[in-house]
Amino acid sequence: MNELFVRDIYYYKDYYLDFFETLKPDVKRKFNWTLKLLVTIDRVPVKYFKHMEGTTGLFEVRVEVGSDIYRVFSFFDEGRLIILLNGFQKKSLKTPKNEIELAEKLKKQYFDEKSE
């Protein structure tokens, strides 16, 4: 099946890939399925991809497997390109502040390196 991509994904350094390697096989499958949604459908449901209020344009890729919840921060560059950053397993209702701060720092690093 030859699907059209409506956007592309880029892994910033190894943050996402290092996180991905720690996951169980069923969680990896769900992440792969969710990322495929991101690149192939125009309007991704909020259940899988949501803007983070109070940030500088961060989004979270959202995956649930059973009662386990996982998040990966991301942002857009030039409209169609999604940059994946750090991931974590969510264990409380509020997203950990340190994870948001890390994502903001990585986003700034990305654009600083790009402008060099």
N, C-alpha and C. Protein backbone atom coordinates (compact mmCIF):
# COMPACT_ATOMS: atom_id res chain seq x y z
N MET A 1 0.84 -1.16 0.00
CA MET A 1 0.00 0.00 0.00
C MET A 1 0.89 1.24 0.00
N ASN A 2 0.68 2.13 -0.95
CA ASN A 2 1.48 3.33 -1.08
C ASN A 2 0.70 4.52 -0.53
N GLU A 3 1.05 4.95 0.68
CA GLU A 3 0.32 6.02 1.33
C GLU A 3 1.02 7.36 1.13
N LEU A 4 0.23 8.40 1.04
CA LEU A 4 0.76 9.74 0.91
C LEU A 4 1.12 10.29 2.29
N PHE A 5 2.27 10.90 2.39
CA PHE A 5 2.65 11.52 3.65
C PHE A 5 2.22 12.98 3.63
N VAL A 6 1.51 13.41 4.67
CA VAL A 6 1.11 14.80 4.77
C VAL A 6 2.10 15.60 5.62
N ARG A 7 2.94 14.89 6.36
CA ARG A 7 4.02 15.53 7.11
C ARG A 7 5.15 14.52 7.31
N ASP A 8 6.29 15.01 7.73
CA ASP A 8 7.45 14.16 7.96
C ASP A 8 7.84 14.23 9.43
N ILE A 9 8.56 13.20 9.88
CA ILE A 9 9.03 13.15 11.26
C ILE A 9 10.56 13.11 11.26
N TYR A 10 11.13 13.85 12.20
CA TYR A 10 12.59 13.89 12.37
C TYR A 10 12.87 13.63 13.85
N TYR A 11 13.81 12.75 14.12
CA TYR A 11 14.21 12.46 15.50
C TYR A 11 15.36 13.39 15.86
N TYR A 12 15.14 14.29 16.80
CA TYR A 12 16.21 15.20 17.22
C TYR A 12 17.20 14.43 18.09
N LYS A 13 18.42 14.36 17.60
CA LYS A 13 19.48 13.58 18.24
C LYS A 13 18.93 12.19 18.54
N ASP A 14 19.23 11.61 19.70
CA ASP A 14 18.76 10.26 19.99
C ASP A 14 17.73 10.22 21.12
N TYR A 15 17.16 11.36 21.47
CA TYR A 15 16.25 11.41 22.62
C TYR A 15 15.07 10.45 22.46
N TYR A 16 14.38 10.55 21.34
CA TYR A 16 13.23 9.66 21.14
C TYR A 16 13.68 8.21 20.98
N LEU A 17 14.70 7.98 20.19
CA LEU A 17 15.14 6.60 19.92
C LEU A 17 15.63 5.91 21.19
N ASP A 18 16.33 6.64 22.06
CA ASP A 18 16.77 6.05 23.33
C ASP A 18 15.56 5.68 24.19
N PHE A 19 14.57 6.55 24.23
CA PHE A 19 13.33 6.26 24.97
C PHE A 19 12.62 5.05 24.37
N PHE A 20 12.50 5.04 23.05
CA PHE A 20 11.80 3.96 22.34
C PHE A 20 12.42 2.60 22.66
N GLU A 21 13.74 2.54 22.73
CA GLU A 21 14.44 1.27 23.01
C GLU A 21 14.10 0.70 24.38
N THR A 22 13.64 1.52 25.31
CA THR A 22 13.32 1.04 26.67
C THR A 22 11.92 0.45 26.76
N LEU A 23 11.12 0.60 25.71
CA LEU A 23 9.71 0.21 25.76
C LEU A 23 9.49 -1.27 25.47
N LYS A 24 8.39 -1.79 26.00
CA LYS A 24 7.98 -3.17 25.71
C LYS A 24 7.51 -3.25 24.26
N PRO A 25 7.58 -4.45 23.66
CA PRO A 25 7.19 -4.60 22.25
C PRO A 25 5.78 -4.08 21.91
N ASP A 26 4.80 -4.32 22.78
CA ASP A 26 3.44 -3.85 22.46
C ASP A 26 3.35 -2.32 22.48
N VAL A 27 4.13 -1.67 23.35
CA VAL A 27 4.16 -0.21 23.41
C VAL A 27 4.88 0.33 22.17
N LYS A 28 5.95 -0.33 21.76
CA LYS A 28 6.66 0.07 20.54
C LYS A 28 5.73 0.01 19.33
N ARG A 29 4.95 -1.06 19.23
CA ARG A 29 4.00 -1.20 18.12
C ARG A 29 2.99 -0.05 18.12
N LYS A 30 2.50 0.29 19.30
CA LYS A 30 1.51 1.38 19.40
C LYS A 30 2.14 2.72 19.04
N PHE A 31 3.39 2.94 19.44
CA PHE A 31 4.07 4.17 19.05
C PHE A 31 4.25 4.23 17.53
N ASN A 32 4.67 3.13 16.94
CA ASN A 32 4.84 3.09 15.49
C ASN A 32 3.51 3.37 14.78
N TRP A 33 2.44 2.78 15.27
CA TRP A 33 1.11 2.99 14.70
C TRP A 33 0.70 4.46 14.82
N THR A 34 0.96 5.06 16.00
CA THR A 34 0.59 6.45 16.24
C THR A 34 1.41 7.39 15.36
N LEU A 35 2.71 7.12 15.22
CA LEU A 35 3.54 7.97 14.36
C LEU A 35 3.10 7.86 12.90
N LYS A 36 2.65 6.69 12.50
CA LYS A 36 2.13 6.52 11.14
C LYS A 36 0.89 7.40 10.94
N LEU A 37 0.03 7.46 11.96
CA LEU A 37 -1.13 8.36 11.90
C LEU A 37 -0.68 9.80 11.67
N LEU A 38 0.34 10.22 12.42
CA LEU A 38 0.82 11.60 12.33
C LEU A 38 1.26 11.97 10.92
N VAL A 39 1.86 11.04 10.23
CA VAL A 39 2.40 11.37 8.91
C VAL A 39 1.42 11.11 7.77
N THR A 40 0.34 10.37 8.03
CA THR A 40 -0.53 10.00 6.91
C THR A 40 -1.92 10.62 6.95
N ILE A 41 -2.38 11.13 8.10
CA ILE A 41 -3.72 11.74 8.09
C ILE A 41 -3.63 13.23 8.40
N ASP A 42 -4.50 13.98 7.74
CA ASP A 42 -4.45 15.43 7.83
C ASP A 42 -4.80 15.94 9.22
N ARG A 43 -5.89 15.45 9.78
CA ARG A 43 -6.34 15.90 11.10
C ARG A 43 -6.19 14.76 12.10
N VAL A 44 -5.12 14.83 12.88
CA VAL A 44 -4.84 13.79 13.86
C VAL A 44 -5.70 14.03 15.10
N PRO A 45 -6.44 13.02 15.57
CA PRO A 45 -7.27 13.20 16.77
C PRO A 45 -6.43 13.61 18.00
N VAL A 46 -7.00 14.49 18.82
CA VAL A 46 -6.34 14.97 20.04
C VAL A 46 -5.92 13.81 20.94
N LYS A 47 -6.63 12.71 20.85
CA LYS A 47 -6.29 11.53 21.66
C LYS A 47 -4.84 11.09 21.41
N TYR A 48 -4.32 11.36 20.21
CA TYR A 48 -2.98 10.89 19.84
C TYR A 48 -1.94 12.01 19.70
N PHE A 49 -2.41 13.25 19.54
CA PHE A 49 -1.48 14.36 19.28
C PHE A 49 -2.13 15.64 19.77
N LYS A 50 -1.53 16.26 20.79
CA LYS A 50 -2.19 17.40 21.43
C LYS A 50 -1.20 18.53 21.68
N HIS A 51 -1.67 19.76 21.44
CA HIS A 51 -0.87 20.95 21.76
C HIS A 51 -0.78 21.08 23.28
N MET A 52 0.40 21.41 23.76
CA MET A 52 0.60 21.59 25.21
C MET A 52 0.37 23.05 25.58
N GLU A 53 -0.70 23.30 26.33
CA GLU A 53 -1.01 24.66 26.78
C GLU A 53 0.14 25.19 27.63
N GLY A 54 0.40 26.50 27.51
CA GLY A 54 1.42 27.14 28.33
C GLY A 54 2.85 26.86 27.89
N THR A 55 3.03 26.37 26.67
CA THR A 55 4.39 26.12 26.15
C THR A 55 4.60 26.96 24.90
N THR A 56 5.82 26.93 24.37
CA THR A 56 6.14 27.68 23.17
C THR A 56 5.94 26.82 21.93
N GLY A 57 4.75 26.25 21.78
CA GLY A 57 4.46 25.46 20.59
C GLY A 57 4.83 23.99 20.69
N LEU A 58 4.90 23.47 21.90
CA LEU A 58 5.15 22.04 22.06
C LEU A 58 3.85 21.26 21.90
N PHE A 59 4.00 20.06 21.34
CA PHE A 59 2.89 19.12 21.22
C PHE A 59 3.34 17.84 21.91
N GLU A 60 2.37 16.99 22.27
CA GLU A 60 2.73 15.69 22.80
C GLU A 60 2.09 14.61 21.95
N VAL A 61 2.90 13.61 21.63
CA VAL A 61 2.41 12.39 20.99
C VAL A 61 1.94 11.53 22.16
N ARG A 62 0.70 11.06 22.08
CA ARG A 62 0.07 10.39 23.22
C ARG A 62 -0.21 8.92 22.89
N VAL A 63 0.29 8.04 23.75
CA VAL A 63 0.09 6.60 23.55
C VAL A 63 -0.36 5.98 24.87
N GLU A 64 -1.40 5.17 24.78
CA GLU A 64 -1.87 4.40 25.94
C GLU A 64 -1.91 2.93 25.58
N VAL A 65 -1.35 2.11 26.44
CA VAL A 65 -1.40 0.66 26.28
C VAL A 65 -1.84 0.10 27.62
N GLY A 66 -3.05 -0.44 27.66
CA GLY A 66 -3.61 -0.89 28.93
C GLY A 66 -3.78 0.31 29.83
N SER A 67 -3.26 0.22 31.04
CA SER A 67 -3.35 1.35 31.97
C SER A 67 -2.09 2.22 31.94
N ASP A 68 -1.13 1.88 31.07
CA ASP A 68 0.11 2.65 30.97
C ASP A 68 -0.05 3.77 29.95
N ILE A 69 0.46 4.95 30.32
CA ILE A 69 0.36 6.13 29.46
C ILE A 69 1.77 6.63 29.17
N TYR A 70 2.02 6.93 27.90
CA TYR A 70 3.33 7.42 27.47
C TYR A 70 3.16 8.70 26.68
N ARG A 71 4.17 9.57 26.76
CA ARG A 71 4.14 10.82 26.03
C ARG A 71 5.52 11.08 25.42
N VAL A 72 5.50 11.70 24.23
CA VAL A 72 6.73 12.17 23.60
C VAL A 72 6.47 13.60 23.17
N PHE A 73 7.35 14.51 23.58
CA PHE A 73 7.19 15.90 23.18
C PHE A 73 7.69 16.08 21.76
N SER A 74 7.08 17.05 21.08
CA SER A 74 7.45 17.34 19.70
C SER A 74 7.07 18.78 19.39
N PHE A 75 7.50 19.23 18.22
CA PHE A 75 7.11 20.56 17.74
C PHE A 75 7.22 20.56 16.22
N PHE A 76 6.65 21.59 15.61
CA PHE A 76 6.69 21.72 14.16
C PHE A 76 7.85 22.61 13.74
N ASP A 77 8.45 22.27 12.63
CA ASP A 77 9.44 23.13 11.99
C ASP A 77 9.03 23.24 10.52
N GLU A 78 8.82 24.45 10.07
CA GLU A 78 8.43 24.72 8.68
C GLU A 78 7.15 23.98 8.28
N GLY A 79 6.20 23.94 9.18
CA GLY A 79 4.86 23.46 8.85
C GLY A 79 4.63 21.97 8.80
N ARG A 80 5.35 21.26 7.95
CA ARG A 80 5.07 19.84 7.73
C ARG A 80 6.02 18.91 8.47
N LEU A 81 7.05 19.46 9.09
CA LEU A 81 8.07 18.63 9.73
C LEU A 81 7.83 18.60 11.23
N ILE A 82 7.63 17.39 11.76
CA ILE A 82 7.46 17.21 13.20
C ILE A 82 8.79 16.72 13.77
N ILE A 83 9.29 17.45 14.76
CA ILE A 83 10.55 17.09 15.42
C ILE A 83 10.19 16.38 16.73
N LEU A 84 10.65 15.13 16.89
CA LEU A 84 10.39 14.38 18.12
C LEU A 84 11.53 14.62 19.11
N LEU A 85 11.15 14.82 20.37
CA LEU A 85 12.11 15.09 21.44
C LEU A 85 12.07 13.98 22.48
N ASN A 86 12.08 14.36 23.74
CA ASN A 86 12.12 13.42 24.86
C ASN A 86 10.77 12.74 25.09
N GLY A 87 10.84 11.52 25.58
CA GLY A 87 9.66 10.76 25.92
C GLY A 87 9.72 10.29 27.36
N PHE A 88 8.56 9.94 27.90
CA PHE A 88 8.50 9.47 29.28
C PHE A 88 7.20 8.71 29.49
N GLN A 89 7.17 7.93 30.56
CA GLN A 89 5.93 7.27 30.96
C GLN A 89 5.24 8.19 31.95
N LYS A 90 3.99 8.49 31.68
CA LYS A 90 3.23 9.40 32.53
C LYS A 90 2.63 8.61 33.68
N LYS A 91 2.92 9.07 34.92
CA LYS A 91 2.46 8.33 36.08
C LYS A 91 1.52 9.14 36.97
N SER A 92 1.24 10.39 36.56
CA SER A 92 0.31 11.21 37.33
C SER A 92 -0.51 12.04 36.35
N LEU A 93 -1.53 12.72 36.86
CA LEU A 93 -2.38 13.52 35.98
C LEU A 93 -1.63 14.68 35.36
N LYS A 94 -0.76 15.32 36.12
CA LYS A 94 -0.01 16.46 35.60
C LYS A 94 1.27 15.97 34.91
N THR A 95 1.58 16.61 33.79
CA THR A 95 2.83 16.31 33.10
C THR A 95 3.98 16.86 33.94
N PRO A 96 5.01 16.04 34.21
CA PRO A 96 6.13 16.50 35.04
C PRO A 96 6.79 17.76 34.46
N LYS A 97 6.96 18.77 35.32
CA LYS A 97 7.53 20.05 34.91
C LYS A 97 8.93 19.87 34.32
N ASN A 98 9.72 18.97 34.90
CA ASN A 98 11.08 18.77 34.39
C ASN A 98 11.09 18.23 32.96
N GLU A 99 10.09 17.44 32.59
CA GLU A 99 10.00 16.92 31.23
C GLU A 99 9.66 18.04 30.24
N ILE A 100 8.76 18.94 30.67
CA ILE A 100 8.40 20.09 29.82
C ILE A 100 9.61 21.00 29.66
N GLU A 101 10.32 21.26 30.76
CA GLU A 101 11.50 22.12 30.70
C GLU A 101 12.57 21.54 29.79
N LEU A 102 12.77 20.22 29.86
CA LEU A 102 13.74 19.57 28.98
C LEU A 102 13.32 19.73 27.52
N ALA A 103 12.05 19.53 27.23
CA ALA A 103 11.56 19.66 25.85
C ALA A 103 11.75 21.09 25.34
N GLU A 104 11.46 22.08 26.17
CA GLU A 104 11.66 23.49 25.78
C GLU A 104 13.14 23.75 25.48
N LYS A 105 14.01 23.21 26.33
CA LYS A 105 15.46 23.38 26.15
C LYS A 105 15.92 22.72 24.84
N LEU A 106 15.43 21.51 24.57
CA LEU A 106 15.82 20.79 23.35
C LEU A 106 15.31 21.51 22.10
N LYS A 107 14.12 22.06 22.19
CA LYS A 107 13.56 22.81 21.05
C LYS A 107 14.44 24.01 20.75
N LYS A 108 14.85 24.75 21.79
CA LYS A 108 15.71 25.91 21.61
C LYS A 108 17.05 25.47 21.01
N GLN A 109 17.59 24.38 21.53
CA GLN A 109 18.87 23.84 21.00
C GLN A 109 18.75 23.53 19.51
N TYR A 110 17.66 22.90 19.13
CA TYR A 110 17.41 22.53 17.74
C TYR A 110 17.48 23.76 16.84
N PHE A 111 16.74 24.82 17.21
CA PHE A 111 16.70 26.01 16.38
C PHE A 111 18.03 26.79 16.42
N ASP A 112 18.72 26.76 17.57
CA ASP A 112 20.05 27.38 17.64
C ASP A 112 21.02 26.70 16.69
N GLU A 113 21.02 25.36 16.71
CA GLU A 113 21.91 24.59 15.82
C GLU A 113 21.54 24.80 14.36
N LYS A 114 20.26 24.89 14.09
CA LYS A 114 19.78 25.06 12.71
C LYS A 114 20.23 26.42 12.15
N SER A 115 20.26 27.45 13.00
CA SER A 115 20.59 28.78 12.51
C SER A 115 22.10 29.00 12.37
N GLU A 116 22.90 28.08 12.87
CA GLU A 116 24.37 28.21 12.77
C GLU A 116 24.87 27.95 11.38
